[in-house]
PDB file of all heavy atoms in Angstrom:
ATOM      1  N   GLY A   1     -10.225  -0.549   3.415  1.00  0.00           N
ATOM      2  CA  GLY A   1     -10.369  -1.878   3.989  1.00  0.00           C
ATOM      3  C   GLY A   1     -10.951  -2.894   3.034  1.00  0.00           C
ATOM      4  O   GLY A   1     -11.503  -3.902   3.445  1.00  0.00           O
ATOM      5  N   THR A   2     -10.813  -2.642   1.732  1.00  0.00           N
ATOM      6  CA  THR A   2     -11.431  -3.516   0.740  1.00  0.00           C
ATOM      7  C   THR A   2     -10.425  -4.296  -0.096  1.00  0.00           C
ATOM      8  O   THR A   2     -10.822  -5.182  -0.846  1.00  0.00           O
ATOM      9  CB  THR A   2     -12.308  -2.692  -0.214  1.00  0.00           C
ATOM     10  OG1 THR A   2     -11.499  -1.698  -0.849  1.00  0.00           O
ATOM     11  CG2 THR A   2     -13.463  -2.044   0.524  1.00  0.00           C
ATOM     12  N   GLU A   3      -9.135  -3.961   0.017  1.00  0.00           N
ATOM     13  CA  GLU A   3      -8.147  -4.602  -0.841  1.00  0.00           C
ATOM     14  C   GLU A   3      -6.886  -4.914  -0.042  1.00  0.00           C
ATOM     15  O   GLU A   3      -6.443  -4.117   0.787  1.00  0.00           O
ATOM     16  CB  GLU A   3      -7.795  -3.673  -2.003  1.00  0.00           C
ATOM     17  CG  GLU A   3      -6.872  -4.280  -3.008  1.00  0.00           C
ATOM     18  CD  GLU A   3      -6.629  -3.360  -4.201  1.00  0.00           C
ATOM     19  OE1 GLU A   3      -7.305  -2.334  -4.340  1.00  0.00           O
ATOM     20  OE2 GLU A   3      -5.739  -3.696  -4.986  1.00  0.00           O
ATOM     21  N   LEU A   4      -6.314  -6.092  -0.302  1.00  0.00           N
ATOM     22  CA  LEU A   4      -5.025  -6.466   0.271  1.00  0.00           C
ATOM     23  C   LEU A   4      -3.957  -6.277  -0.794  1.00  0.00           C
ATOM     24  O   LEU A   4      -4.135  -6.683  -1.942  1.00  0.00           O
ATOM     25  CB  LEU A   4      -5.022  -7.927   0.714  1.00  0.00           C
ATOM     26  CG  LEU A   4      -5.836  -8.287   1.936  1.00  0.00           C
ATOM     27  CD1 LEU A   4      -5.789  -9.797   2.167  1.00  0.00           C
ATOM     28  CD2 LEU A   4      -5.322  -7.558   3.160  1.00  0.00           C
ATOM     29  N   ILE A   5      -2.855  -5.680  -0.400  1.00  0.00           N
ATOM     30  CA  ILE A   5      -1.739  -5.453  -1.308  1.00  0.00           C
ATOM     31  C   ILE A   5      -0.534  -6.155  -0.700  1.00  0.00           C
ATOM     32  O   ILE A   5      -0.165  -5.881   0.447  1.00  0.00           O
ATOM     33  CB  ILE A   5      -1.467  -3.942  -1.459  1.00  0.00           C
ATOM     34  CG1 ILE A   5      -2.716  -3.242  -1.980  1.00  0.00           C
ATOM     35  CG2 ILE A   5      -0.257  -3.706  -2.362  1.00  0.00           C
ATOM     36  CD1 ILE A   5      -2.748  -1.761  -1.715  1.00  0.00           C
ATOM     37  N   THR A   6       0.071  -7.073  -1.449  1.00  0.00           N
ATOM     38  CA  THR A   6       1.239  -7.794  -0.968  1.00  0.00           C
ATOM     39  C   THR A   6       2.467  -7.268  -1.696  1.00  0.00           C
ATOM     40  O   THR A   6       2.510  -7.253  -2.928  1.00  0.00           O
ATOM     41  CB  THR A   6       1.091  -9.313  -1.220  1.00  0.00           C
ATOM     42  OG1 THR A   6      -0.101  -9.763  -0.576  1.00  0.00           O
ATOM     43  CG2 THR A   6       2.280 -10.070  -0.655  1.00  0.00           C
ATOM     44  N   LEU A   7       3.458  -6.838  -0.927  1.00  0.00           N
ATOM     45  CA  LEU A   7       4.675  -6.272  -1.498  1.00  0.00           C
ATOM     46  C   LEU A   7       5.760  -7.336  -1.642  1.00  0.00           C
ATOM     47  O   LEU A   7       5.800  -8.301  -0.884  1.00  0.00           O
ATOM     48  CB  LEU A   7       5.207  -5.157  -0.600  1.00  0.00           C
ATOM     49  CG  LEU A   7       4.279  -3.973  -0.336  1.00  0.00           C
ATOM     50  CD1 LEU A   7       4.974  -2.944   0.540  1.00  0.00           C
ATOM     51  CD2 LEU A   7       3.795  -3.343  -1.632  1.00  0.00           C
ATOM     52  N   SER A   8       6.652  -7.107  -2.576  1.00  0.00           N
ATOM     53  CA  SER A   8       7.823  -7.958  -2.719  1.00  0.00           C
ATOM     54  C   SER A   8       8.750  -7.712  -1.523  1.00  0.00           C
ATOM     55  O   SER A   8       8.604  -6.703  -0.811  1.00  0.00           O
ATOM     56  CB  SER A   8       8.566  -7.621  -4.013  1.00  0.00           C
ATOM     57  OG  SER A   8       9.211  -6.361  -3.877  1.00  0.00           O
ATOM     58  N   PRO A   9       9.711  -8.590  -1.295  1.00  0.00           N
ATOM     59  CA  PRO A   9      10.649  -8.354  -0.192  1.00  0.00           C
ATOM     60  C   PRO A   9      11.397  -7.019  -0.296  1.00  0.00           C
ATOM     61  O   PRO A   9      11.590  -6.341   0.707  1.00  0.00           O
ATOM     62  CB  PRO A   9      11.604  -9.544  -0.273  1.00  0.00           C
ATOM     63  CG  PRO A   9      10.760 -10.646  -0.855  1.00  0.00           C
ATOM     64  CD  PRO A   9       9.891  -9.935  -1.872  1.00  0.00           C
ATOM     65  N   VAL A  10      11.795  -6.627  -1.507  1.00  0.00           N
ATOM     66  CA  VAL A  10      12.509  -5.352  -1.654  1.00  0.00           C
ATOM     67  C   VAL A  10      11.564  -4.171  -1.425  1.00  0.00           C
ATOM     68  O   VAL A  10      11.909  -3.205  -0.749  1.00  0.00           O
ATOM     69  CB  VAL A  10      13.214  -5.254  -3.026  1.00  0.00           C
ATOM     70  CG1 VAL A  10      13.854  -3.883  -3.215  1.00  0.00           C
ATOM     71  CG2 VAL A  10      14.260  -6.356  -3.162  1.00  0.00           C
ATOM     72  N   ALA A  11      10.359  -4.254  -1.958  1.00  0.00           N
ATOM     73  CA  ALA A  11       9.378  -3.193  -1.710  1.00  0.00           C
ATOM     74  C   ALA A  11       9.070  -3.099  -0.220  1.00  0.00           C
ATOM     75  O   ALA A  11       8.831  -2.003   0.303  1.00  0.00           O
ATOM     76  CB  ALA A  11       8.110  -3.439  -2.513  1.00  0.00           C
ATOM     77  N   THR A  12       9.095  -4.231   0.469  1.00  0.00           N
ATOM     78  CA  THR A  12       8.874  -4.220   1.912  1.00  0.00           C
ATOM     79  C   THR A  12       9.987  -3.462   2.630  1.00  0.00           C
ATOM     80  O   THR A  12       9.726  -2.754   3.612  1.00  0.00           O
ATOM     81  CB  THR A  12       8.751  -5.667   2.448  1.00  0.00           C
ATOM     82  OG1 THR A  12       7.598  -6.264   1.831  1.00  0.00           O
ATOM     83  CG2 THR A  12       8.585  -5.705   3.951  1.00  0.00           C
ATOM     84  N   LEU A  13      11.225  -3.571   2.143  1.00  0.00           N
ATOM     85  CA  LEU A  13      12.324  -2.787   2.725  1.00  0.00           C
ATOM     86  C   LEU A  13      12.046  -1.293   2.597  1.00  0.00           C
ATOM     87  O   LEU A  13      12.276  -0.518   3.529  1.00  0.00           O
ATOM     88  CB  LEU A  13      13.649  -3.139   2.053  1.00  0.00           C
ATOM     89  CG  LEU A  13      14.190  -4.540   2.284  1.00  0.00           C
ATOM     90  CD1 LEU A  13      15.428  -4.779   1.410  1.00  0.00           C
ATOM     91  CD2 LEU A  13      14.511  -4.761   3.752  1.00  0.00           C
ATOM     92  N   VAL A  14      11.555  -0.886   1.433  1.00  0.00           N
ATOM     93  CA  VAL A  14      11.212   0.529   1.235  1.00  0.00           C
ATOM     94  C   VAL A  14      10.051   0.899   2.152  1.00  0.00           C
ATOM     95  O   VAL A  14      10.093   1.936   2.825  1.00  0.00           O
ATOM     96  CB  VAL A  14      10.872   0.819  -0.243  1.00  0.00           C
ATOM     97  CG1 VAL A  14      10.423   2.265  -0.414  1.00  0.00           C
ATOM     98  CG2 VAL A  14      12.058   0.502  -1.146  1.00  0.00           C
ATOM     99  N   TRP A  15       9.032   0.079   2.204  1.00  0.00           N
ATOM    100  CA  TRP A  15       7.868   0.331   3.055  1.00  0.00           C
ATOM    101  C   TRP A  15       8.299   0.524   4.509  1.00  0.00           C
ATOM    102  O   TRP A  15       7.862   1.441   5.188  1.00  0.00           O
ATOM    103  CB  TRP A  15       6.881  -0.819   2.900  1.00  0.00           C
ATOM    104  CG  TRP A  15       5.652  -0.705   3.718  1.00  0.00           C
ATOM    105  CD1 TRP A  15       5.372  -1.385   4.870  1.00  0.00           C
ATOM    106  CD2 TRP A  15       4.521   0.139   3.482  1.00  0.00           C
ATOM    107  NE1 TRP A  15       4.136  -1.014   5.359  1.00  0.00           N
ATOM    108  CE2 TRP A  15       3.603  -0.086   4.516  1.00  0.00           C
ATOM    109  CE3 TRP A  15       4.199   1.059   2.493  1.00  0.00           C
ATOM    110  CZ2 TRP A  15       2.375   0.588   4.584  1.00  0.00           C
ATOM    111  CZ3 TRP A  15       2.985   1.716   2.564  1.00  0.00           C
ATOM    112  CH2 TRP A  15       2.093   1.483   3.597  1.00  0.00           C
ATOM    113  N   ASP A  16       9.176  -0.364   4.987  1.00  0.00           N
ATOM    114  CA  ASP A  16       9.675  -0.258   6.363  1.00  0.00           C
ATOM    115  C   ASP A  16      10.443   1.038   6.593  1.00  0.00           C
ATOM    116  O   ASP A  16      10.431   1.581   7.700  1.00  0.00           O
ATOM    117  CB  ASP A  16      10.566  -1.450   6.711  1.00  0.00           C
ATOM    118  CG  ASP A  16       9.782  -2.725   6.958  1.00  0.00           C
ATOM    119  OD1 ASP A  16       8.564  -2.646   7.228  1.00  0.00           O
ATOM    120  OD2 ASP A  16      10.394  -3.807   6.880  1.00  0.00           O
ATOM    121  N   ALA A  17      11.104   1.529   5.563  1.00  0.00           N
ATOM    122  CA  ALA A  17      11.895   2.761   5.691  1.00  0.00           C
ATOM    123  C   ALA A  17      11.018   4.020   5.739  1.00  0.00           C
ATOM    124  O   ALA A  17      11.498   5.091   6.097  1.00  0.00           O
ATOM    125  CB  ALA A  17      12.879   2.868   4.526  1.00  0.00           C
ATOM    126  N   LEU A  18       9.751   3.888   5.416  1.00  0.00           N
ATOM    127  CA  LEU A  18       8.843   5.041   5.403  1.00  0.00           C
ATOM    128  C   LEU A  18       8.338   5.330   6.820  1.00  0.00           C
ATOM    129  O   LEU A  18       7.162   5.231   7.125  1.00  0.00           O
ATOM    130  CB  LEU A  18       7.667   4.782   4.457  1.00  0.00           C
ATOM    131  CG  LEU A  18       8.036   4.557   2.996  1.00  0.00           C
ATOM    132  CD1 LEU A  18       6.806   4.171   2.193  1.00  0.00           C
ATOM    133  CD2 LEU A  18       8.716   5.786   2.413  1.00  0.00           C
ATOM    134  N   ASP A  19       9.266   5.727   7.675  1.00  0.00           N
ATOM    135  CA  ASP A  19       8.951   5.950   9.090  1.00  0.00           C
ATOM    136  C   ASP A  19       8.979   7.422   9.488  1.00  0.00           C
ATOM    137  O   ASP A  19       8.918   7.759  10.659  1.00  0.00           O
ATOM    138  CB  ASP A  19       9.910   5.158   9.968  1.00  0.00           C
ATOM    139  CG  ASP A  19      11.365   5.548   9.750  1.00  0.00           C
ATOM    140  OD1 ASP A  19      11.640   6.491   8.981  1.00  0.00           O
ATOM    141  OD2 ASP A  19      12.237   4.901  10.366  1.00  0.00           O
ATOM    142  N   GLY A  20       9.097   8.293   8.485  1.00  0.00           N
ATOM    143  CA  GLY A  20       9.101   9.723   8.757  1.00  0.00           C
ATOM    144  C   GLY A  20      10.475  10.304   9.028  1.00  0.00           C
ATOM    145  O   GLY A  20      10.608  11.508   9.208  1.00  0.00           O
ATOM    146  N   THR A  21      11.518   9.462   9.044  1.00  0.00           N
ATOM    147  CA  THR A  21      12.866   9.965   9.332  1.00  0.00           C
ATOM    148  C   THR A  21      13.755  10.005   8.099  1.00  0.00           C
ATOM    149  O   THR A  21      14.821  10.608   8.141  1.00  0.00           O
ATOM    150  CB  THR A  21      13.560   9.101  10.408  1.00  0.00           C
ATOM    151  OG1 THR A  21      13.770   7.780   9.899  1.00  0.00           O
ATOM    152  CG2 THR A  21      12.734   9.048  11.676  1.00  0.00           C
ATOM    153  N   ARG A  22      13.340   9.370   7.020  1.00  0.00           N
ATOM    154  CA  ARG A  22      14.178   9.284   5.821  1.00  0.00           C
ATOM    155  C   ARG A  22      13.496   9.954   4.636  1.00  0.00           C
ATOM    156  O   ARG A  22      12.290   9.862   4.489  1.00  0.00           O
ATOM    157  CB  ARG A  22      14.442   7.823   5.462  1.00  0.00           C
ATOM    158  CG  ARG A  22      15.180   7.029   6.519  1.00  0.00           C
ATOM    159  CD  ARG A  22      15.177   5.550   6.109  1.00  0.00           C
ATOM    160  NE  ARG A  22      15.737   4.708   7.109  1.00  0.00           N
ATOM    161  CZ  ARG A  22      15.035   4.082   8.050  1.00  0.00           C
ATOM    162  NH1 ARG A  22      13.731   4.209   8.126  1.00  0.00           N
ATOM    163  NH2 ARG A  22      15.636   3.307   8.924  1.00  0.00           N
ATOM    164  N   ASP A  23      14.311  10.543   3.788  1.00  0.00           N
ATOM    165  CA  ASP A  23      13.792  11.047   2.526  1.00  0.00           C
ATOM    166  C   ASP A  23      14.117  10.033   1.428  1.00  0.00           C
ATOM    167  O   ASP A  23      14.717   8.983   1.691  1.00  0.00           O
ATOM    168  CB  ASP A  23      14.342  12.446   2.211  1.00  0.00           C
ATOM    169  CG  ASP A  23      15.853  12.459   2.004  1.00  0.00           C
ATOM    170  OD1 ASP A  23      16.483  11.380   1.979  1.00  0.00           O
ATOM    171  OD2 ASP A  23      16.400  13.563   1.878  1.00  0.00           O
ATOM    172  N   GLU A  24      13.722  10.338   0.234  1.00  0.00           N
ATOM    173  CA  GLU A  24      13.914   9.415  -0.880  1.00  0.00           C
ATOM    174  C   GLU A  24      15.383   9.063  -1.081  1.00  0.00           C
ATOM    175  O   GLU A  24      15.734   7.897  -1.273  1.00  0.00           O
ATOM    176  CB  GLU A  24      13.338  10.032  -2.160  1.00  0.00           C
ATOM    177  CG  GLU A  24      13.409   9.132  -3.364  1.00  0.00           C
ATOM    178  CD  GLU A  24      12.765   9.755  -4.588  1.00  0.00           C
ATOM    179  OE1 GLU A  24      11.723  10.430  -4.453  1.00  0.00           O
ATOM    180  OE2 GLU A  24      13.314   9.564  -5.682  1.00  0.00           O
ATOM    181  N   SER A  25      16.260  10.044  -1.019  1.00  0.00           N
ATOM    182  CA  SER A  25      17.680   9.778  -1.254  1.00  0.00           C
ATOM    183  C   SER A  25      18.272   8.883  -0.158  1.00  0.00           C
ATOM    184  O   SER A  25      19.134   8.051  -0.443  1.00  0.00           O
ATOM    185  CB  SER A  25      18.475  11.075  -1.384  1.00  0.00           C
ATOM    186  OG  SER A  25      18.425  11.814  -0.180  1.00  0.00           O
TER     187      SER A  25
END
């Protein structure tokens, strides 16, 4: 809770995909 990290729009797409249903490929 000490640092804010702002992602780029493309990194945000990857972040959103990290929902437990997808692997890297």
